[in-house]
Amino acid sequence: MSDMQGDDFTRFEHAGWQRVADKYDSVWSSLTRQFIPSLLADAMVSAGMLALDVACGPGYVSAAAKKLGAVPTGIDFSDKMVAIAKRMFPEIRFMQGDAQDLPFEDGSFDRVLMNFGLLHVSHPEKACVEVCRVLKRGGKFGFTVWAGPERNPGAKIVNDTIEAYANLDVGLPEGPPKYLYGEPEECRQVLIRAGFDGTSMSYKTRTVEWKLPDAGYLFEAERNAGVRTAGILARQSPETLEAIRSALENGIRQYARGNEFVVPMAAHVVVVSKW
């Protein structure tokens, strides 16, 4: 792994995903998988295309691309995630590798897809440059990033609670903004600098419903099956942690529906073409 030795944020993220790999699928994928149909549709993935699924996690984007007749390859920096993907989808090629130093020749793929992966690399712009390099001319890059709290009710609950109660000065390595590329023009300029055709960019905000079994689910998900927020929570006093838990539960209760809690979650689905 090219940056693993010298990059604090990459090491932090890698260790975190290695730790929670076996929990991610059961805890978060019911949310993140909901954006895959939009991602593949907007990127116009179709039969026969060579598709690269970067930060593939358990492999759901690859599996969805394969159902459309594409030929997917999945790559993730966590070998534990890769092992899970291989176990779940043994007919698909998965491998360990770095989004910022992709082990492929120039112009290898028709499509590159990244479902919530850019937040987890230390240099997202570098990952975008690498994606552009491995895409064929006219190929498309499709990715998702979380919408900010002002457009994302579930994220607002977490964001407001952490800002109100948590001690944020706990020595975590600095990474990219949590709500990366939240404005279309900012996003377009990054993609232009990476080598893409900025005029081709599609930028759509999608909202889905995340169904939670109880009010405490979100706190436990953030603490036990995430990385960045989990890093903050792990460094709080017991009293602070209890205040955060209570505030999150109170925030979730407004979304009660029958025996569950149905929380709106929003993300931007971005697609851009290579010149």
C-alpha atoms as a PDB file:
ATOM      1  CA  MET A   1       0.000   0.000   0.000  1.00  0.00           C
ATOM      2  CA  SER A   2       1.674   3.153  -1.207  1.00  0.00           C
ATOM      3  CA  ASP A   3       0.656   5.596   1.542  1.00  0.00           C
ATOM      4  CA  MET A   4       0.110   3.181   4.416  1.00  0.00           C
ATOM      5  CA  GLN A   5       3.415   3.832   6.146  1.00  0.00           C
ATOM      6  CA  GLY A   6       3.571   7.621   5.947  1.00  0.00           C
ATOM      7  CA  ASP A   7      -0.029   8.827   6.129  1.00  0.00           C
ATOM      8  CA  ASP A   8      -1.689   9.045   9.543  1.00  0.00           C
ATOM      9  CA  PHE A   9      -5.225   9.367   8.182  1.00  0.00           C
ATOM     10  CA  THR A  10      -4.832   6.380   5.844  1.00  0.00           C
ATOM     11  CA  ARG A  11      -3.499   4.270   8.710  1.00  0.00           C
ATOM     12  CA  PHE A  12      -6.359   5.401  10.946  1.00  0.00           C
ATOM     13  CA  GLU A  13      -8.996   4.592   8.297  1.00  0.00           C
ATOM     14  CA  HIS A  14      -7.367   1.288   7.350  1.00  0.00           C
ATOM     15  CA  ALA A  15      -7.175   0.113  10.974  1.00  0.00           C
ATOM     16  CA  GLY A  16     -10.777   1.224  11.515  1.00  0.00           C
ATOM     17  CA  TRP A  17     -12.203  -0.637   8.533  1.00  0.00           C
ATOM     18  CA  GLN A  18     -10.169  -3.732   9.364  1.00  0.00           C
ATOM     19  CA  ARG A  19     -11.727  -3.599  12.829  1.00  0.00           C
ATOM     20  CA  VAL A  20     -15.359  -3.118  11.740  1.00  0.00           C
ATOM     21  CA  ALA A  21     -15.373  -4.989   8.419  1.00  0.00           C
ATOM     22  CA  ASP A  22     -17.487  -7.822   9.772  1.00  0.00           C
ATOM     23  CA  LYS A  23     -20.041  -5.369  11.233  1.00  0.00           C
ATOM     24  CA  TYR A  24     -20.349  -2.943   8.312  1.00  0.00           C
ATOM     25  CA  ASP A  25     -22.587  -5.142   6.197  1.00  0.00           C
ATOM     26  CA  SER A  26     -25.242  -5.792   8.843  1.00  0.00           C
ATOM     27  CA  VAL A  27     -25.185  -2.232  10.217  1.00  0.00           C
ATOM     28  CA  TRP A  28     -24.700   0.238   7.330  1.00  0.00           C
ATOM     29  CA  SER A  29     -25.314  -1.516   4.028  1.00  0.00           C
ATOM     30  CA  SER A  30     -29.114  -1.281   4.394  1.00  0.00           C
ATOM     31  CA  LEU A  31     -28.514   2.456   3.959  1.00  0.00           C
ATOM     32  CA  THR A  32     -25.623   2.708   1.495  1.00  0.00           C
ATOM     33  CA  ARG A  33     -26.992   0.028  -0.860  1.00  0.00           C
ATOM     34  CA  GLN A  34     -30.069   2.163  -1.489  1.00  0.00           C
ATOM     35  CA  PHE A  35     -28.014   4.617  -3.569  1.00  0.00           C
ATOM     36  CA  ILE A  36     -26.530   1.972  -5.888  1.00  0.00           C
ATOM     37  CA  PRO A  37     -29.410   1.858  -8.417  1.00  0.00           C
ATOM     38  CA  SER A  38     -29.184   5.652  -8.935  1.00  0.00           C
ATOM     39  CA  LEU A  39     -25.399   5.489  -9.157  1.00  0.00           C
ATOM     40  CA  LEU A  40     -25.423   2.809 -11.867  1.00  0.00           C
ATOM     41  CA  ALA A  41     -28.317   4.359 -13.766  1.00  0.00           C
ATOM     42  CA  ASP A  42     -26.786   7.849 -13.811  1.00  0.00           C
ATOM     43  CA  ALA A  43     -23.421   6.370 -14.873  1.00  0.00           C
ATOM     44  CA  MET A  44     -25.210   4.449 -17.663  1.00  0.00           C
ATOM     45  CA  VAL A  45     -23.625   1.122 -16.757  1.00  0.00           C
ATOM     46  CA  SER A  46     -24.617  -1.502 -19.313  1.00  0.00           C
ATOM     47  CA  ALA A  47     -23.778  -4.976 -20.591  1.00  0.00           C
ATOM     48  CA  GLY A  48     -20.225  -5.667 -21.698  1.00  0.00           C
ATOM     49  CA  MET A  49     -18.658  -2.665 -19.969  1.00  0.00           C
ATOM     50  CA  LEU A  50     -15.510  -3.105 -17.890  1.00  0.00           C
ATOM     51  CA  ALA A  51     -16.361  -1.539 -14.517  1.00  0.00           C
ATOM     52  CA  LEU A  52     -14.073  -0.814 -11.571  1.00  0.00           C
ATOM     53  CA  ASP A  53     -15.674  -0.607  -8.117  1.00  0.00           C
ATOM     54  CA  VAL A  54     -13.281   1.418  -5.931  1.00  0.00           C
ATOM     55  CA  ALA A  55     -13.587   1.155  -2.121  1.00  0.00           C
ATOM     56  CA  CYS A  56     -15.833  -1.800  -2.885  1.00  0.00           C
ATOM     57  CA  GLY A  57     -16.455  -2.883   0.711  1.00  0.00           C
ATOM     58  CA  PRO A  58     -18.620  -6.025   0.706  1.00  0.00           C
ATOM     59  CA  GLY A  59     -18.986  -5.802  -3.091  1.00  0.00           C
ATOM     60  CA  TYR A  60     -22.565  -4.645  -3.630  1.00  0.00           C
ATOM     61  CA  VAL A  61     -21.786  -2.163  -6.422  1.00  0.00           C
ATOM     62  CA  SER A  62     -19.837  -4.853  -8.264  1.00  0.00           C
ATOM     63  CA  ALA A  63     -22.711  -7.303  -7.864  1.00  0.00           C
ATOM     64  CA  ALA A  64     -25.249  -4.763  -9.146  1.00  0.00           C
ATOM     65  CA  ALA A  65     -23.028  -3.965 -12.143  1.00  0.00           C
ATOM     66  CA  LYS A  66     -22.714  -7.675 -12.916  1.00  0.00           C
ATOM     67  CA  LYS A  67     -26.511  -8.020 -12.908  1.00  0.00           C
ATOM     68  CA  LEU A  68     -26.591  -5.383 -15.656  1.00  0.00           C
ATOM     69  CA  GLY A  69     -24.171  -7.490 -17.700  1.00  0.00           C
ATOM     70  CA  ALA A  70     -21.060  -5.431 -16.983  1.00  0.00           C
ATOM     71  CA  VAL A  71     -17.741  -7.082 -16.096  1.00  0.00           C
ATOM     72  CA  PRO A  72     -16.795  -5.720 -12.653  1.00  0.00           C
ATOM     73  CA  THR A  73     -13.574  -5.666 -10.659  1.00  0.00           C
ATOM     74  CA  GLY A  74     -13.702  -4.580  -7.021  1.00  0.00           C
ATOM     75  CA  ILE A  75     -10.828  -3.054  -5.067  1.00  0.00           C
ATOM     76  CA  ASP A  76     -10.588  -2.041  -1.395  1.00  0.00           C
ATOM     77  CA  PHE A  77      -7.683  -1.158   0.918  1.00  0.00           C
ATOM     78  CA  SER A  78      -9.038  -3.476   3.632  1.00  0.00           C
ATOM     79  CA  ASP A  79      -8.136  -7.099   3.010  1.00  0.00           C
ATOM     80  CA  LYS A  80     -10.879  -8.069   5.458  1.00  0.00           C
ATOM     81  CA  MET A  81     -13.458  -6.248   3.319  1.00  0.00           C
ATOM     82  CA  VAL A  82     -12.040  -7.957   0.223  1.00  0.00           C
ATOM     83  CA  ALA A  83     -12.375 -11.345   1.927  1.00  0.00           C
ATOM     84  CA  ILE A  84     -16.031 -10.622   2.743  1.00  0.00           C
ATOM     85  CA  ALA A  85     -16.717  -9.532  -0.853  1.00  0.00           C
ATOM     86  CA  LYS A  86     -15.083 -12.679  -2.225  1.00  0.00           C
ATOM     87  CA  ARG A  87     -17.139 -14.822   0.110  1.00  0.00           C
ATOM     88  CA  MET A  88     -20.402 -13.077  -0.806  1.00  0.00           C
ATOM     89  CA  PHE A  89     -19.793 -12.853  -4.547  1.00  0.00           C
ATOM     90  CA  PRO A  90     -17.256 -15.566  -5.461  1.00  0.00           C
ATOM     91  CA  GLU A  91     -17.828 -15.143  -9.194  1.00  0.00           C
ATOM     92  CA  ILE A  92     -16.503 -11.543  -9.153  1.00  0.00           C
ATOM     93  CA  ARG A  93     -12.840 -10.477  -9.054  1.00  0.00           C
ATOM     94  CA  PHE A  94     -11.928  -8.563  -5.889  1.00  0.00           C
ATOM     95  CA  MET A  95      -8.484  -7.387  -4.820  1.00  0.00           C
ATOM     96  CA  GLN A  96      -6.743  -5.271  -2.206  1.00  0.00           C
ATOM     97  CA  GLY A  97      -5.358  -1.939  -3.371  1.00  0.00           C
ATOM     98  CA  ASP A  98      -5.120   1.807  -2.865  1.00  0.00           C
ATOM     99  CA  ALA A  99      -7.651   4.210  -4.457  1.00  0.00           C
ATOM    100  CA  GLN A 100      -4.866   6.789  -4.664  1.00  0.00           C
ATOM    101  CA  ASP A 101      -2.508   4.441  -6.532  1.00  0.00           C
ATOM    102  CA  LEU A 102      -4.663   2.087  -8.602  1.00  0.00           C
ATOM    103  CA  PRO A 103      -2.807  -0.997  -9.885  1.00  0.00           C
ATOM    104  CA  PHE A 104      -4.181  -0.795 -13.428  1.00  0.00           C
ATOM    105  CA  GLU A 105      -2.960   0.401 -16.812  1.00  0.00           C
ATOM    106  CA  ASP A 106      -4.102   3.713 -18.281  1.00  0.00           C
ATOM    107  CA  GLY A 107      -7.452   3.478 -20.059  1.00  0.00           C
ATOM    108  CA  SER A 108      -8.442   0.092 -18.625  1.00  0.00           C
ATOM    109  CA  PHE A 109     -12.130   0.673 -17.762  1.00  0.00           C
ATOM    110  CA  ASP A 110     -15.362   1.970 -19.294  1.00  0.00           C
ATOM    111  CA  ARG A 111     -16.763   2.927 -15.899  1.00  0.00           C
ATOM    112  CA  VAL A 112     -15.317   3.599 -12.447  1.00  0.00           C
ATOM    113  CA  LEU A 113     -17.754   3.636  -9.524  1.00  0.00           C
ATOM    114  CA  MET A 114     -17.231   4.674  -5.920  1.00  0.00           C
ATOM    115  CA  ASN A 115     -20.078   4.450  -3.399  1.00  0.00           C
ATOM    116  CA  PHE A 116     -19.151   6.656  -0.399  1.00  0.00           C
ATOM    117  CA  GLY A 117     -15.444   5.896  -0.785  1.00  0.00           C
ATOM    118  CA  LEU A 118     -13.942   9.340  -1.349  1.00  0.00           C
ATOM    119  CA  LEU A 119     -14.476  10.332   2.296  1.00  0.00           C
ATOM    120  CA  HIS A 120     -12.161   7.547   3.388  1.00  0.00           C
ATOM    121  CA  VAL A 121      -9.032   8.443   1.434  1.00  0.00           C
ATOM    122  CA  SER A 122      -6.607  11.053   2.688  1.00  0.00           C
ATOM    123  CA  HIS A 123      -6.365  12.840  -0.694  1.00  0.00           C
ATOM    124  CA  PRO A 124      -9.679  12.601  -2.596  1.00  0.00           C
ATOM    125  CA  GLU A 125      -8.308  14.751  -5.450  1.00  0.00           C
ATOM    126  CA  LYS A 126      -5.505  12.226  -5.932  1.00  0.00           C
ATOM    127  CA  ALA A 127      -8.057   9.420  -6.105  1.00  0.00           C
ATOM    128  CA  CYS A 128      -9.984  11.374  -8.760  1.00  0.00           C
ATOM    129  CA  VAL A 129      -6.804  11.783 -10.828  1.00  0.00           C
ATOM    130  CA  GLU A 130      -6.177   8.041 -10.584  1.00  0.00           C
ATOM    131  CA  VAL A 131      -9.749   7.273 -11.633  1.00  0.00           C
ATOM    132  CA  CYS A 132      -9.368   9.534 -14.654  1.00  0.00           C
ATOM    133  CA  ARG A 133      -6.131   7.798 -15.586  1.00  0.00           C
ATOM    134  CA  VAL A 134      -7.587   4.290 -15.585  1.00  0.00           C
ATOM    135  CA  LEU A 135     -10.738   5.300 -17.469  1.00  0.00           C
ATOM    136  CA  LYS A 136     -10.967   4.957 -21.237  1.00  0.00           C
ATOM    137  CA  ARG A 137     -11.561   8.121 -23.227  1.00  0.00           C
ATOM    138  CA  GLY A 138     -15.273   8.897 -23.006  1.00  0.00           C
ATOM    139  CA  GLY A 139     -15.627   6.677 -19.939  1.00  0.00           C
ATOM    140  CA  LYS A 140     -17.622   7.801 -16.911  1.00  0.00           C
ATOM    141  CA  PHE A 141     -16.812   8.154 -13.209  1.00  0.00           C
ATOM    142  CA  GLY A 142     -19.797   7.831 -10.868  1.00  0.00           C
ATOM    143  CA  PHE A 143     -19.591   8.389  -7.115  1.00  0.00           C
ATOM    144  CA  THR A 144     -21.656   9.248  -4.071  1.00  0.00           C
ATOM    145  CA  VAL A 145     -20.921  11.592  -1.155  1.00  0.00           C
ATOM    146  CA  TRP A 146     -23.141  12.380   1.801  1.00  0.00           C
ATOM    147  CA  ALA A 147     -25.186  15.560   1.631  1.00  0.00           C
ATOM    148  CA  GLY A 148     -24.578  18.081   4.403  1.00  0.00           C
ATOM    149  CA  PRO A 149     -26.766  18.395   7.512  1.00  0.00           C
ATOM    150  CA  GLU A 150     -28.888  21.154   5.964  1.00  0.00           C
ATOM    151  CA  ARG A 151     -30.215  18.670   3.372  1.00  0.00           C
ATOM    152  CA  ASN A 152     -29.715  15.412   5.253  1.00  0.00           C
ATOM    153  CA  PRO A 153     -31.968  14.982   8.330  1.00  0.00           C
ATOM    154  CA  GLY A 154     -30.240  11.867   9.686  1.00  0.00           C
ATOM    155  CA  ALA A 155     -26.812  13.410   9.349  1.00  0.00           C
ATOM    156  CA  LYS A 156     -28.047  16.595  11.004  1.00  0.00           C
ATOM    157  CA  ILE A 157     -28.982  14.657  14.144  1.00  0.00           C
ATOM    158  CA  VAL A 158     -25.461  13.209  14.391  1.00  0.00           C
ATOM    159  CA  ASN A 159     -23.711  16.433  13.404  1.00  0.00           C
ATOM    160  CA  ASP A 160     -25.649  18.628  15.846  1.00  0.00           C
ATOM    161  CA  THR A 161     -25.182  16.139  18.689  1.00  0.00           C
ATOM    162  CA  ILE A 162     -21.430  15.776  18.187  1.00  0.00           C
ATOM    163  CA  GLU A 163     -20.968  19.549  17.914  1.00  0.00           C
ATOM    164  CA  ALA A 164     -23.052  20.178  21.024  1.00  0.00           C
ATOM    165  CA  TYR A 165     -21.622  17.548  23.354  1.00  0.00           C
ATOM    166  CA  ALA A 166     -18.377  15.995  22.138  1.00  0.00           C
ATOM    167  CA  ASN A 167     -14.832  17.060  22.845  1.00  0.00           C
ATOM    168  CA  LEU A 168     -13.462  17.257  19.296  1.00  0.00           C
ATOM    169  CA  ASP A 169      -9.868  17.993  20.322  1.00  0.00           C
ATOM    170  CA  VAL A 170      -8.926  14.356  20.802  1.00  0.00           C
ATOM    171  CA  GLY A 171      -5.922  14.050  18.504  1.00  0.00           C
ATOM    172  CA  LEU A 172      -7.473  12.251  15.556  1.00  0.00           C
ATOM    173  CA  PRO A 173      -5.598  12.556  12.250  1.00  0.00           C
ATOM    174  CA  GLU A 174      -7.067  15.147   9.928  1.00  0.00           C
ATOM    175  CA  GLY A 175      -8.901  13.843   6.889  1.00  0.00           C
ATOM    176  CA  PRO A 176     -11.054  15.293   4.125  1.00  0.00           C
ATOM    177  CA  PRO A 177     -14.215  17.210   5.068  1.00  0.00           C
ATOM    178  CA  LYS A 178     -17.014  14.930   6.244  1.00  0.00           C
ATOM    179  CA  TYR A 179     -19.375  16.486   3.705  1.00  0.00           C
ATOM    180  CA  LEU A 180     -16.932  16.485   0.827  1.00  0.00           C
ATOM    181  CA  TYR A 181     -17.903  18.125  -2.488  1.00  0.00           C
ATOM    182  CA  GLY A 182     -21.188  19.336  -1.034  1.00  0.00           C
ATOM    183  CA  GLU A 183     -21.573  22.099  -3.619  1.00  0.00           C
ATOM    184  CA  PRO A 184     -21.822  21.364  -7.363  1.00  0.00           C
ATOM    185  CA  GLU A 185     -19.388  24.051  -8.504  1.00  0.00           C
ATOM    186  CA  GLU A 186     -16.715  23.051  -5.996  1.00  0.00           C
ATOM    187  CA  CYS A 187     -17.129  19.457  -7.137  1.00  0.00           C
ATOM    188  CA  ARG A 188     -16.926  20.429 -10.817  1.00  0.00           C
ATOM    189  CA  GLN A 189     -13.659  22.314 -10.313  1.00  0.00           C
ATOM    190  CA  VAL A 190     -12.046  19.341  -8.532  1.00  0.00           C
ATOM    191  CA  LEU A 191     -13.074  17.043 -11.374  1.00  0.00           C
ATOM    192  CA  ILE A 192     -11.813  19.454 -14.040  1.00  0.00           C
ATOM    193  CA  ARG A 193      -8.435  19.611 -12.310  1.00  0.00           C
ATOM    194  CA  ALA A 194      -8.384  15.796 -12.252  1.00  0.00           C
ATOM    195  CA  GLY A 195      -8.786  15.712 -16.034  1.00  0.00           C
ATOM    196  CA  PHE A 196     -12.535  15.279 -16.512  1.00  0.00           C
ATOM    197  CA  ASP A 197     -14.945  17.171 -18.770  1.00  0.00           C
ATOM    198  CA  GLY A 198     -16.593  19.528 -16.289  1.00  0.00           C
ATOM    199  CA  THR A 199     -19.422  20.351 -18.695  1.00  0.00           C
ATOM    200  CA  SER A 200     -20.528  16.698 -18.590  1.00  0.00           C
ATOM    201  CA  MET A 201     -21.062  16.579 -14.822  1.00  0.00           C
ATOM    202  CA  SER A 202     -24.393  15.354 -13.479  1.00  0.00           C
ATOM    203  CA  TYR A 203     -24.989  16.198  -9.800  1.00  0.00           C
ATOM    204  CA  LYS A 204     -28.200  14.939  -8.200  1.00  0.00           C
ATOM    205  CA  THR A 205     -29.264  14.860  -4.563  1.00  0.00           C
ATOM    206  CA  ARG A 206     -31.180  11.713  -3.612  1.00  0.00           C
ATOM    207  CA  THR A 207     -32.977  11.003  -0.350  1.00  0.00           C
ATOM    208  CA  VAL A 208     -33.756   7.510   0.917  1.00  0.00           C
ATOM    209  CA  GLU A 209     -35.417   6.107   4.028  1.00  0.00           C
ATOM    210  CA  TRP A 210     -33.231   4.262   6.498  1.00  0.00           C
ATOM    211  CA  LYS A 211     -35.304   1.973   8.713  1.00  0.00           C
ATOM    212  CA  LEU A 212     -33.913   1.518  12.217  1.00  0.00           C
ATOM    213  CA  PRO A 213     -35.279  -1.039  14.683  1.00  0.00           C
ATOM    214  CA  ASP A 214     -34.901   1.177  17.769  1.00  0.00           C
ATOM    215  CA  ALA A 215     -33.899   4.674  18.861  1.00  0.00           C
ATOM    216  CA  GLY A 216     -30.485   3.516  20.075  1.00  0.00           C
ATOM    217  CA  TYR A 217     -29.457   1.954  16.765  1.00  0.00           C
ATOM    218  CA  LEU A 218     -27.751   5.038  15.312  1.00  0.00           C
ATOM    219  CA  PHE A 219     -25.551   5.590  18.362  1.00  0.00           C
ATOM    220  CA  GLU A 220     -24.455   1.952  18.379  1.00  0.00           C
ATOM    221  CA  ALA A 221     -23.856   2.044  14.610  1.00  0.00           C
ATOM    222  CA  GLU A 222     -21.633   5.103  14.883  1.00  0.00           C
ATOM    223  CA  ARG A 223     -19.751   3.751  17.899  1.00  0.00           C
ATOM    224  CA  ASN A 224     -19.273   0.126  16.862  1.00  0.00           C
ATOM    225  CA  ALA A 225     -19.432  -0.051  13.056  1.00  0.00           C
ATOM    226  CA  GLY A 226     -17.992   3.244  11.829  1.00  0.00           C
ATOM    227  CA  VAL A 227     -14.547   4.809  11.805  1.00  0.00           C
ATOM    228  CA  ARG A 228     -14.332   8.597  11.986  1.00  0.00           C
ATOM    229  CA  THR A 229     -17.205   9.288  14.376  1.00  0.00           C
ATOM    230  CA  ALA A 230     -16.308   6.107  16.267  1.00  0.00           C
ATOM    231  CA  GLY A 231     -12.826   7.542  16.773  1.00  0.00           C
ATOM    232  CA  ILE A 232     -14.334  10.624  18.398  1.00  0.00           C
ATOM    233  CA  LEU A 233     -16.755   8.612  20.544  1.00  0.00           C
ATOM    234  CA  ALA A 234     -14.005   6.282  21.768  1.00  0.00           C
ATOM    235  CA  ARG A 235     -12.156   9.278  23.220  1.00  0.00           C
ATOM    236  CA  GLN A 236     -15.030  10.797  25.253  1.00  0.00           C
ATOM    237  CA  SER A 237     -15.608  10.546  28.984  1.00  0.00           C
ATOM    238  CA  PRO A 238     -18.383   8.167  30.107  1.00  0.00           C
ATOM    239  CA  GLU A 239     -20.543  11.163  31.052  1.00  0.00           C
ATOM    240  CA  THR A 240     -20.097  12.814  27.651  1.00  0.00           C
ATOM    241  CA  LEU A 241     -20.762   9.540  25.881  1.00  0.00           C
ATOM    242  CA  GLU A 242     -24.014   9.138  27.796  1.00  0.00           C
ATOM    243  CA  ALA A 243     -25.081  12.687  26.873  1.00  0.00           C
ATOM    244  CA  ILE A 244     -24.367  11.954  23.199  1.00  0.00           C
ATOM    245  CA  ARG A 245     -26.295   8.686  23.355  1.00  0.00           C
ATOM    246  CA  SER A 246     -29.292  10.385  24.950  1.00  0.00           C
ATOM    247  CA  ALA A 247     -29.305  13.271  22.448  1.00  0.00           C
ATOM    248  CA  LEU A 248     -29.089  10.928  19.462  1.00  0.00           C
ATOM    249  CA  GLU A 249     -31.941   8.806  20.781  1.00  0.00           C
ATOM    250  CA  ASN A 250     -34.085  11.901  21.343  1.00  0.00           C
ATOM    251  CA  GLY A 251     -33.302  13.117  17.830  1.00  0.00           C
ATOM    252  CA  ILE A 252     -34.280   9.796  16.278  1.00  0.00           C
ATOM    253  CA  ARG A 253     -37.619   9.585  18.098  1.00  0.00           C
ATOM    254  CA  GLN A 254     -39.201  12.220  15.852  1.00  0.00           C
ATOM    255  CA  TYR A 255     -38.981   9.654  13.035  1.00  0.00           C
ATOM    256  CA  ALA A 256     -40.925   6.928  14.837  1.00  0.00           C
ATOM    257  CA  ARG A 257     -43.256   5.019  12.546  1.00  0.00           C
ATOM    258  CA  GLY A 258     -44.995   2.000  14.027  1.00  0.00           C
ATOM    259  CA  ASN A 259     -42.399  -0.330  15.567  1.00  0.00           C
ATOM    260  CA  GLU A 260     -39.420   1.280  13.822  1.00  0.00           C
ATOM    261  CA  PHE A 261     -37.758   4.611  13.113  1.00  0.00           C
ATOM    262  CA  VAL A 262     -37.636   5.755   9.486  1.00  0.00           C
ATOM    263  CA  VAL A 263     -34.853   8.312   9.053  1.00  0.00           C
ATOM    264  CA  PRO A 264     -34.394  10.330   5.829  1.00  0.00           C
ATOM    265  CA  MET A 265     -30.786  10.218   4.586  1.00  0.00           C
ATOM    266  CA  ALA A 266     -29.509  12.181   1.582  1.00  0.00           C
ATOM    267  CA  ALA A 267     -26.491  11.885  -0.690  1.00  0.00           C
ATOM    268  CA  HIS A 268     -25.216  13.491  -3.877  1.00  0.00           C
ATOM    269  CA  VAL A 269     -24.859  11.177  -6.860  1.00  0.00           C
ATOM    270  CA  VAL A 270     -22.215  12.597  -9.197  1.00  0.00           C
ATOM    271  CA  VAL A 271     -21.279  11.383 -12.678  1.00  0.00           C
ATOM    272  CA  VAL A 272     -18.677  12.912 -14.979  1.00  0.00           C
ATOM    273  CA  SER A 273     -17.076  11.869 -18.290  1.00  0.00           C
ATOM    274  CA  LYS A 274     -13.434  11.716 -19.264  1.00  0.00           C
ATOM    275  CA  TRP A 275     -12.493  13.849 -22.284  1.00  0.00           C
END
